[in-house]
Amino acid sequence: MKAKTTKIKFKEMKKIQIEEMIGKLKKLLLERKRQLIILILSLTIVLAGITLFAGRYEKKSNDTEQKPLTLIEQYRNQLPGLEIKAKSGNASDLQQYGIALYATGDLLKAEDVYKKQVTVDNGSLMAHNNLANILRDEKKYEEAISEYEKAIKISPKAINSYVNLASLYQYSLKNMDKAIEVYDRAIEDNPESIDFPNLAALAYEQIGDIENSQLYFKKTLTLQENNQTAKAGLERLKK
C-alpha cells in the first residue's frame, strides 16, 4: 500500500515537473516571439528611415541640381560678351555675334551685324549665306536672293546656298521653274552630288512632270545605284 502511494506521488511529481517545463518552454517561446516581433518592427522602422532619408536626399539633390542650359540659353548668356567683342569690327567677332543674335531671334540686329561683316569681309561665304537666311526670314526675298547668289559666286560648290536659294523659290515664292533652274545650275557645278538630282526630281514630281522627274531620279542612280530615295521615287511614279 505504501509502495503504491509512493508510486502515485512520484507520478504526480513527474507530471508537475513536466508541466513546469512546458510552462517554461511556452514562456521562452513567447519571449522569443516577442523579440522577433520587436526585431521585425525595428528593421521596418530602420528601413523606413533609410527610405525617407534617401527620398529627402534625392529631393534635395533635385532641388539644387541645375538643368543644363539649352543652346539658345547659352547664346543668350553670351550676348553681352559677344557684343563687346564685336565692337572691335573684327569679321570673326561680328560673325559670332551675328550667329548668337539669329539664334536668339533678334533678326534686325543680326541683319545689321552681318551687313557690317560683309563690308569688312566681302569674300565670306558664310556671312553672305547667313545674311540671306535672315533676309529670307524677314520676307525680304529680293535681297535674300542677291545674297545667296553672292555666296554661290564665291563658291560654286556651296551646296547649302544652292539649297537655300532653290527652297526660297520653291516654297516662299512658289516659283517652281526658278527652283528647278537653281537645281540645274547646282548639278552643273556639282556633278558628283546625288542630292541635287533627287531634289530636282522631287520638284518636277511636285508640278506633275513625271518624265523629267524619272529622268533626274535615274540620273541619281547613275551616281549611286542603290540610292533609296531615287528607287522609291521611280517606284512611286509607276503608280
Protein backbone atom coordinates (compact mmCIF):
# COMPACT_ATOMS: atom_id res chain seq x y z
CA MET A 1 0.00 0.00 0.00
CA LYS A 2 2.83 2.31 0.93
CA ALA A 3 4.70 1.43 -2.27
CA LYS A 4 1.56 2.16 -4.29
CA THR A 5 1.17 5.55 -2.58
CA THR A 6 4.84 6.39 -3.26
CA LYS A 7 4.43 5.46 -6.93
CA ILE A 8 1.40 7.76 -7.23
CA LYS A 9 3.31 10.63 -5.63
CA PHE A 10 6.24 10.06 -8.00
CA LYS A 11 3.92 10.22 -10.98
CA GLU A 12 2.35 13.40 -9.68
CA MET A 13 5.78 14.96 -9.15
CA LYS A 14 6.80 13.97 -12.66
CA LYS A 15 3.61 15.45 -14.02
CA ILE A 16 4.27 18.70 -12.13
CA GLN A 17 7.85 18.83 -13.43
CA ILE A 18 6.69 18.23 -16.99
CA GLU A 19 4.03 20.89 -16.66
CA GLU A 20 6.64 23.30 -15.26
CA MET A 21 9.00 22.52 -18.14
CA ILE A 22 6.18 23.03 -20.67
CA GLY A 23 5.34 26.30 -18.96
CA LYS A 24 8.95 27.43 -19.15
CA LEU A 25 9.13 26.46 -22.82
CA LYS A 26 5.94 28.34 -23.60
CA LYS A 27 7.27 31.36 -21.76
CA LEU A 28 10.57 31.11 -23.65
CA LEU A 29 8.77 30.80 -26.99
CA LEU A 30 6.55 33.75 -26.17
CA GLU A 31 9.62 35.79 -25.22
CA ARG A 32 11.40 34.77 -28.41
CA LYS A 33 8.29 35.60 -30.42
CA ARG A 34 8.11 38.99 -28.76
CA GLN A 35 11.80 39.57 -29.50
CA LEU A 36 11.26 38.50 -33.10
CA ILE A 37 8.34 40.91 -33.46
CA ILE A 38 10.43 43.71 -31.95
CA LEU A 39 13.27 42.85 -34.33
CA ILE A 40 10.94 42.92 -37.33
CA LEU A 41 9.44 46.23 -36.22
CA SER A 42 12.89 47.68 -35.62
CA LEU A 43 14.05 46.63 -39.07
CA THR A 44 10.89 48.09 -40.57
CA ILE A 45 11.48 51.43 -38.85
CA VAL A 46 15.15 51.46 -39.84
CA LEU A 47 14.31 50.65 -43.44
CA ALA A 48 11.58 53.26 -43.45
CA GLY A 49 14.06 55.78 -42.09
CA ILE A 50 16.60 54.91 -44.77
CA THR A 51 13.93 55.23 -47.48
CA LEU A 52 12.76 58.55 -46.07
CA PHE A 53 16.32 59.86 -45.87
CA ALA A 54 17.04 58.69 -49.38
CA GLY A 55 13.88 60.38 -50.59
CA ARG A 56 14.78 63.62 -48.83
CA TYR A 57 18.33 63.46 -50.17
CA GLU A 58 17.11 62.81 -53.69
CA LYS A 59 14.61 65.68 -53.44
CA LYS A 60 17.30 67.96 -52.07
CA SER A 61 19.65 66.93 -54.88
CA ASN A 62 16.95 67.51 -57.47
CA ASP A 63 16.13 70.90 -55.95
CA THR A 64 19.74 72.06 -56.06
CA GLU A 65 20.80 70.37 -59.30
CA GLN A 66 20.73 72.78 -62.23
CA LYS A 67 19.34 71.67 -65.55
CA PRO A 68 21.71 72.02 -68.49
CA LEU A 69 21.16 75.17 -70.50
CA THR A 70 19.74 74.90 -73.99
CA LEU A 71 21.82 76.17 -76.90
CA ILE A 72 19.60 79.25 -77.20
CA GLU A 73 20.02 79.99 -73.47
CA GLN A 74 23.77 79.63 -73.82
CA TYR A 75 23.80 82.09 -76.71
CA ARG A 76 21.57 84.48 -74.74
CA ASN A 77 24.01 84.40 -71.82
CA GLN A 78 26.93 85.02 -74.17
CA LEU A 79 25.34 88.00 -75.94
CA PRO A 80 26.78 90.78 -73.69
CA GLY A 81 30.33 89.47 -74.08
CA LEU A 82 29.97 88.87 -77.81
CA GLU A 83 28.57 92.36 -78.30
CA ILE A 84 31.64 93.87 -76.62
CA LYS A 85 33.96 91.80 -78.82
CA ALA A 86 32.02 92.69 -81.99
CA LYS A 87 32.71 96.40 -81.37
CA SER A 88 36.29 95.74 -82.46
CA GLY A 89 34.98 95.34 -86.02
CA ASN A 90 36.80 92.03 -86.44
CA ALA A 91 34.99 89.84 -89.03
CA SER A 92 35.15 86.70 -86.90
CA ASP A 93 33.80 88.51 -83.83
CA LEU A 94 31.00 90.03 -85.88
CA GLN A 95 30.12 86.60 -87.23
CA GLN A 96 29.94 85.03 -83.76
CA TYR A 97 27.75 87.88 -82.53
CA GLY A 98 25.52 87.58 -85.60
CA ILE A 99 25.08 83.83 -85.05
CA ALA A 100 24.07 84.41 -81.40
CA LEU A 101 21.60 87.15 -82.34
CA TYR A 102 19.99 84.99 -85.04
CA ALA A 103 19.78 82.01 -82.69
CA THR A 104 18.02 84.11 -80.04
CA GLY A 105 15.57 85.56 -82.57
CA ASP A 106 16.84 89.14 -82.87
CA LEU A 107 16.68 89.31 -86.66
CA LEU A 108 17.05 93.08 -87.03
CA LYS A 109 20.24 93.25 -85.00
CA ALA A 110 21.57 90.11 -86.68
CA GLU A 111 20.95 91.65 -90.11
CA ASP A 112 22.81 94.79 -89.11
CA VAL A 113 25.76 92.80 -87.75
CA TYR A 114 26.07 90.60 -90.85
CA LYS A 115 25.91 93.65 -93.12
CA LYS A 116 28.86 95.03 -91.16
CA GLN A 117 30.66 91.72 -91.56
CA VAL A 118 30.24 91.57 -95.36
CA THR A 119 31.56 95.15 -95.51
CA VAL A 120 34.65 94.05 -93.59
CA ASP A 121 34.98 90.67 -95.34
CA ASN A 122 33.06 90.66 -98.60
CA GLY A 123 34.55 87.30 -99.57
CA SER A 124 32.98 85.42 -96.67
CA LEU A 125 30.66 82.70 -97.98
CA MET A 126 29.11 82.17 -94.53
CA ALA A 127 28.43 85.87 -93.99
CA HIS A 128 26.53 86.21 -97.28
CA ASN A 129 24.64 82.95 -96.79
CA ASN A 130 23.68 83.78 -93.20
CA LEU A 131 22.65 87.31 -94.12
CA ALA A 132 20.49 85.83 -96.88
CA ASN A 133 18.84 83.49 -94.37
CA ILE A 134 17.92 86.44 -92.17
CA LEU A 135 16.57 88.46 -95.12
CA ARG A 136 14.53 85.44 -96.19
CA ASP A 137 13.05 85.10 -92.70
CA GLU A 138 12.19 88.80 -92.81
CA LYS A 139 10.47 88.19 -96.18
CA LYS A 140 12.94 90.48 -97.94
CA TYR A 141 13.13 87.97 -100.74
CA GLU A 142 14.87 90.01 -103.46
CA GLU A 143 17.66 91.00 -101.07
CA ALA A 144 17.93 87.39 -99.88
CA ILE A 145 18.24 86.13 -103.48
CA SER A 146 21.02 88.63 -104.11
CA GLU A 147 22.97 87.45 -101.05
CA TYR A 148 22.54 83.77 -101.93
CA GLU A 149 23.81 84.50 -105.43
CA LYS A 150 26.86 86.26 -103.96
CA ALA A 151 27.55 83.21 -101.77
CA ILE A 152 27.28 80.89 -104.80
CA LYS A 153 29.59 83.14 -106.82
CA ILE A 154 32.18 82.99 -104.04
CA SER A 155 31.94 79.19 -104.01
CA PRO A 156 30.02 77.33 -106.74
CA LYS A 157 30.44 74.24 -104.57
CA ALA A 158 28.41 75.89 -101.80
CA ILE A 159 25.68 73.25 -101.56
CA ASN A 160 23.82 74.98 -98.72
CA SER A 161 23.49 78.23 -100.63
CA TYR A 162 22.05 76.43 -103.67
CA VAL A 163 19.57 74.53 -101.50
CA ASN A 164 18.55 77.68 -99.62
CA LEU A 165 18.05 79.65 -102.83
CA ALA A 166 16.07 76.89 -104.55
CA SER A 167 13.94 76.43 -101.44
CA LEU A 168 13.18 80.16 -101.34
CA TYR A 169 11.89 79.99 -104.93
CA GLN A 170 10.09 76.69 -104.38
CA TYR A 171 8.35 77.29 -101.05
CA SER A 172 8.36 81.03 -100.33
CA LEU A 173 7.78 82.39 -103.83
CA LYS A 174 6.04 79.28 -105.25
CA ASN A 175 8.15 79.64 -108.38
CA MET A 176 8.97 76.06 -109.31
CA ASP A 177 10.59 76.93 -112.64
CA LYS A 178 13.15 79.15 -110.91
CA ALA A 179 13.78 76.49 -108.28
CA ILE A 180 14.49 73.90 -110.99
CA GLU A 181 16.83 76.36 -112.72
CA VAL A 182 18.81 76.63 -109.48
CA TYR A 183 18.93 72.83 -109.12
CA ASP A 184 20.18 72.52 -112.72
CA ARG A 185 22.95 75.06 -112.03
CA ALA A 186 23.82 73.17 -108.86
CA ILE A 187 24.06 69.87 -110.80
CA GLU A 188 26.31 71.51 -113.36
CA ASP A 189 28.60 72.94 -110.67
CA ASN A 190 28.45 69.78 -108.51
CA PRO A 191 28.24 66.85 -110.95
CA GLU A 192 29.23 64.36 -108.27
CA SER A 193 26.39 65.32 -105.91
CA ILE A 194 23.50 62.85 -105.53
CA ASP A 195 21.39 65.37 -103.62
CA PHE A 196 20.64 67.83 -106.41
CA PRO A 197 19.29 65.33 -108.98
CA ASN A 198 16.97 63.98 -106.29
CA LEU A 199 15.83 67.47 -105.32
CA ALA A 200 15.21 68.36 -108.97
CA ALA A 201 13.30 65.11 -109.47
CA LEU A 202 11.09 65.89 -106.47
CA ALA A 203 10.47 69.41 -107.77
CA TYR A 204 9.39 68.02 -111.15
CA GLU A 205 7.21 65.45 -109.43
CA GLN A 206 5.57 68.23 -107.43
CA ILE A 207 4.46 70.01 -110.61
CA GLY A 208 3.37 66.76 -112.24
CA ASP A 209 6.21 66.48 -114.78
CA ILE A 210 6.63 62.71 -114.49
CA GLU A 211 9.01 62.36 -117.43
CA ASN A 212 11.60 64.80 -116.10
CA SER A 213 11.15 63.52 -112.57
CA GLN A 214 12.01 60.00 -113.73
CA LEU A 215 14.93 61.36 -115.73
CA TYR A 216 16.51 63.00 -112.67
CA PHE A 217 15.89 60.04 -110.38
CA LYS A 218 17.64 57.85 -112.99
CA LYS A 219 20.50 60.36 -113.07
CA THR A 220 20.91 59.84 -109.32
CA LEU A 221 21.11 56.08 -109.85
CA THR A 222 23.95 56.52 -112.33
CA LEU A 223 25.87 58.16 -109.49
CA GLN A 224 24.73 55.78 -106.75
CA GLU A 225 22.97 52.67 -107.99
CA ASN A 226 21.43 51.77 -104.62
CA ASN A 227 20.14 55.22 -103.73
CA GLN A 228 16.90 54.53 -101.87
CA THR A 229 15.35 57.97 -102.48
CA ALA A 230 15.69 57.60 -106.24
CA LYS A 231 14.49 53.99 -106.22
CA ALA A 232 11.47 54.86 -104.12
CA GLY A 233 10.74 57.83 -106.37
CA LEU A 234 10.78 55.74 -109.53
CA GLU A 235 8.61 53.11 -107.90
CA ARG A 236 6.17 55.78 -106.79
CA LEU A 237 5.98 57.28 -110.28
CA LYS A 238 4.99 53.93 -111.80
CA LYS A 239 1.67 54.01 -109.97
